[in-house]
């Protein structure tokens, strides 16, 4: 979907045309942070903006906006080695959102974090999606956590292996937010999705 890999079969379409090369309408948050260790937080966030041809002043202004939105104001001049794992992932979220993409691709973005940091990050991403300051409203999340998928998603595609296929599409749009794990509708949905995989 982000155009970083070519599909082994089938096609990825962007609007009415096949996607060829990098999808400039998508931003990606990687599982492994993928920050440049020699760059400060603000430079890491702005790196994609430079590739898009924005001038230095506009890059800095936009990078600082998204650094603030993810709660890292004051860390603009810090280097990745000075940040916790959760803070590194916040830099990744700010970098992706600074591109102001139509689609935000999240590749298991919380799996390298401790339980509390992951919970806070999920809430932050949902808050950012709802914020009028963020233009991105479509998020594609890859996760192995059923609870995470149910908490965050409007629609879940459950994949099974051998051969790889979509086992079922689960519509969650009717479940009210926030989706606490102890709410009956949430617990039933999680249990049903576990049943699809076992």
Protein backbone atom coordinates (compact mmCIF):
# COMPACT_ATOMS: atom_id res chain seq x y z
CA UNK A 1 0.00 0.00 0.00
CA UNK A 2 2.92 2.36 0.68
CA UNK A 3 4.66 1.25 -2.50
CA UNK A 4 7.83 0.18 -0.69
CA UNK A 5 7.47 -3.41 -1.93
CA UNK A 6 6.00 -4.76 -5.14
CA UNK A 7 3.17 -7.27 -4.69
CA UNK A 8 4.06 -10.88 -5.50
CA UNK A 9 0.64 -11.22 -7.13
CA UNK A 10 -2.29 -8.95 -7.91
CA UNK A 11 -2.19 -5.18 -8.02
CA UNK A 12 -2.37 -2.27 -5.62
CA UNK A 13 -4.55 0.51 -6.95
CA UNK A 14 -4.34 4.17 -6.07
CA UNK A 15 -7.65 5.61 -7.17
CA UNK A 16 -8.34 4.17 -10.60
CA UNK A 17 -4.71 3.44 -11.52
CA UNK A 18 -2.18 0.75 -10.47
CA UNK A 19 0.34 2.03 -7.94
CA UNK A 20 3.84 2.16 -9.41
CA UNK A 21 6.67 3.01 -7.04
CA UNK A 22 6.32 4.82 -3.74
CA UNK A 23 2.83 5.97 -2.76
CA UNK A 24 3.35 9.69 -2.14
CA UNK A 25 -0.08 9.84 -0.48
CA UNK A 26 1.02 7.44 2.30
CA UNK A 27 3.11 7.80 5.44
CA UNK A 28 4.62 4.81 7.25
CA UNK A 29 5.42 4.15 10.91
CA UNK A 30 7.80 1.20 11.19
CA UNK A 31 8.02 -1.40 13.93
CA UNK A 32 11.76 -0.82 14.34
CA UNK A 33 11.57 3.01 14.63
CA UNK A 34 13.84 3.54 11.56
CA UNK A 35 15.26 6.82 12.84
CA UNK A 36 18.53 8.27 11.60
CA UNK A 37 20.80 8.20 14.69
CA UNK A 38 22.93 11.14 13.53
CA UNK A 39 19.87 13.42 13.17
CA UNK A 40 18.01 15.28 15.89
CA UNK A 41 14.30 14.73 16.49
CA UNK A 42 13.33 17.75 14.39
CA UNK A 43 15.61 16.66 11.54
CA UNK A 44 14.22 13.10 11.62
CA UNK A 45 10.68 14.45 11.44
CA UNK A 46 11.56 16.85 8.62
CA UNK A 47 13.55 14.41 6.48
CA UNK A 48 10.59 13.37 4.31
CA UNK A 49 9.58 16.97 3.85
CA UNK A 50 12.96 17.80 2.37
CA UNK A 51 12.54 14.96 -0.11
CA UNK A 52 9.21 16.53 -1.10
CA UNK A 53 10.89 19.83 -1.87
CA UNK A 54 9.65 21.99 1.02
CA UNK A 55 11.89 24.92 1.95
CA UNK A 56 13.83 24.97 5.22
CA UNK A 57 11.44 27.35 7.01
CA UNK A 58 8.32 25.36 6.04
CA UNK A 59 10.01 22.06 6.98
CA UNK A 60 10.91 23.36 10.41
CA UNK A 61 7.46 24.85 11.02
CA UNK A 62 5.64 21.67 10.02
CA UNK A 63 8.06 19.38 11.90
CA UNK A 64 7.64 21.43 15.08
CA UNK A 65 3.85 21.31 14.72
CA UNK A 66 3.78 17.51 14.62
CA UNK A 67 6.43 17.14 17.31
CA UNK A 68 4.11 19.19 19.52
CA UNK A 69 1.04 17.16 18.56
CA UNK A 70 2.69 13.89 19.64
CA UNK A 71 3.83 15.46 22.93
CA UNK A 72 7.57 15.81 22.30
CA UNK A 73 7.90 19.59 22.56
CA UNK A 74 11.22 20.35 24.20
CA UNK A 75 12.96 17.36 22.60
CA UNK A 76 13.44 18.88 19.13
CA UNK A 77 17.26 18.95 19.49
CA UNK A 78 17.59 15.53 21.15
CA UNK A 79 19.13 12.56 19.33
CA UNK A 80 17.48 9.13 19.15
CA UNK A 81 20.01 7.66 21.61
CA UNK A 82 18.67 10.10 24.22
CA UNK A 83 15.07 8.93 23.85
CA UNK A 84 13.09 6.05 25.32
CA UNK A 85 11.61 3.46 22.97
CA UNK A 86 8.18 5.08 23.27
CA UNK A 87 9.59 8.51 22.47
CA UNK A 88 11.40 7.09 19.42
CA UNK A 89 8.11 5.74 18.15
CA UNK A 90 6.48 9.12 18.74
CA UNK A 91 9.15 10.61 16.47
CA UNK A 92 8.18 8.03 13.85
CA UNK A 93 4.50 8.99 14.16
CA UNK A 94 5.34 12.69 13.89
CA UNK A 95 7.54 12.04 10.84
CA UNK A 96 4.79 10.12 9.05
CA UNK A 97 2.07 12.64 9.92
CA UNK A 98 4.25 15.61 8.91
CA UNK A 99 3.88 14.40 5.32
CA UNK A 100 0.14 15.01 5.79
CA UNK A 101 -0.66 11.76 4.00
CA UNK A 102 -4.10 10.51 3.03
CA UNK A 103 -3.12 7.06 4.35
CA UNK A 104 -1.10 6.30 7.47
CA UNK A 105 0.41 2.79 7.43
CA UNK A 106 1.30 1.41 10.87
CA UNK A 107 3.48 -1.71 10.73
CA UNK A 108 3.16 -3.27 14.19
CA UNK A 109 4.09 0.11 15.68
CA UNK A 110 3.48 -0.80 19.32
CA UNK A 111 5.02 -4.29 19.47
CA UNK A 112 8.47 -3.06 20.61
CA UNK A 113 6.99 -1.02 23.47
CA UNK A 114 6.16 -1.91 27.05
CA UNK A 115 2.48 -2.42 27.89
CA UNK A 116 1.87 1.06 29.33
CA UNK A 117 3.69 2.86 26.50
CA UNK A 118 1.79 0.81 23.91
CA UNK A 119 -1.55 1.66 25.54
CA UNK A 120 -0.69 5.35 25.64
CA UNK A 121 0.45 5.29 22.00
CA UNK A 122 -2.79 3.63 20.85
CA UNK A 123 -4.79 6.33 22.59
CA UNK A 124 -2.61 9.05 21.09
CA UNK A 125 -3.01 7.71 17.55
CA UNK A 126 -6.79 7.58 17.97
CA UNK A 127 -6.80 11.12 19.38
CA UNK A 128 -4.65 12.38 16.49
CA UNK A 129 -6.96 10.76 13.96
CA UNK A 130 -9.89 12.61 15.51
CA UNK A 131 -8.02 15.93 15.76
CA UNK A 132 -8.95 18.73 13.35
CA UNK A 133 -5.22 19.60 13.25
CA UNK A 134 -4.39 16.29 11.54
CA UNK A 135 -5.50 15.81 7.95
CA UNK A 136 -4.89 12.04 7.89
CA UNK A 137 -8.08 10.12 8.63
CA UNK A 138 -7.37 6.68 7.08
CA UNK A 139 -5.09 4.32 8.97
CA UNK A 140 -3.96 0.84 7.93
CA UNK A 141 -2.72 -1.03 11.01
CA UNK A 142 -0.88 -4.36 10.90
CA UNK A 143 -0.94 -6.09 14.27
CA UNK A 144 -0.81 -9.55 15.82
CA UNK A 145 -2.81 -8.33 18.81
CA UNK A 146 -6.53 -8.99 18.50
CA UNK A 147 -7.23 -6.68 21.45
CA UNK A 148 -5.32 -3.89 19.73
CA UNK A 149 -7.18 -4.44 16.45
CA UNK A 150 -10.55 -4.31 18.22
CA UNK A 151 -9.62 -1.23 20.25
CA UNK A 152 -8.40 0.80 17.28
CA UNK A 153 -10.23 -0.36 14.16
CA UNK A 154 -13.48 0.26 12.37
CA UNK A 155 -12.91 -2.81 10.19
CA UNK A 156 -10.60 -5.79 10.71
CA UNK A 157 -9.38 -8.25 8.10
CA UNK A 158 -8.49 -11.52 9.83
CA UNK A 159 -5.75 -13.37 7.95
CA UNK A 160 -5.01 -17.09 8.09
CA UNK A 161 -2.00 -18.98 6.78
CA UNK A 162 -1.33 -21.97 4.50
CA UNK A 163 -2.40 -20.66 2.11
CA UNK A 164 -2.41 -17.00 3.13
CA UNK A 165 -5.96 -15.67 2.86
CA UNK A 166 -8.53 -13.40 4.43
CA UNK A 167 -10.52 -15.58 6.82
CA UNK A 168 -13.13 -12.94 7.58
CA UNK A 169 -13.84 -9.23 7.54
CA UNK A 170 -15.20 -7.96 10.85
CA UNK A 171 -17.07 -4.63 10.93
CA UNK A 172 -16.51 -2.87 14.26
CA UNK A 173 -17.96 0.52 13.36
CA UNK A 174 -20.99 -0.02 15.62
CA UNK A 175 -18.87 -0.56 18.76
CA UNK A 176 -18.77 2.70 20.77
CA UNK A 177 -15.45 4.35 21.68
CA UNK A 178 -13.48 4.23 23.85
CA UNK A 179 -13.39 0.44 23.65
CA UNK A 180 -12.38 -0.82 27.05
CA UNK A 181 -11.53 -4.52 27.18
CA UNK A 182 -14.09 -5.15 29.96
CA UNK A 183 -17.09 -3.90 27.97
CA UNK A 184 -19.40 -6.75 26.87
CA UNK A 185 -19.45 -5.95 23.15
CA UNK A 186 -15.67 -5.59 23.07
CA UNK A 187 -15.02 -8.82 24.96
CA UNK A 188 -17.44 -10.76 22.72
CA UNK A 189 -15.78 -9.39 19.57
CA UNK A 190 -12.30 -10.28 20.82
CA UNK A 191 -13.46 -13.81 21.71
CA UNK A 192 -15.11 -14.26 18.30
CA UNK A 193 -11.95 -13.14 16.50
CA UNK A 194 -9.82 -15.53 18.55
CA UNK A 195 -12.24 -18.25 17.47
CA UNK A 196 -11.59 -17.40 13.82
CA UNK A 197 -7.87 -18.03 14.27
CA UNK A 198 -7.97 -21.22 16.32
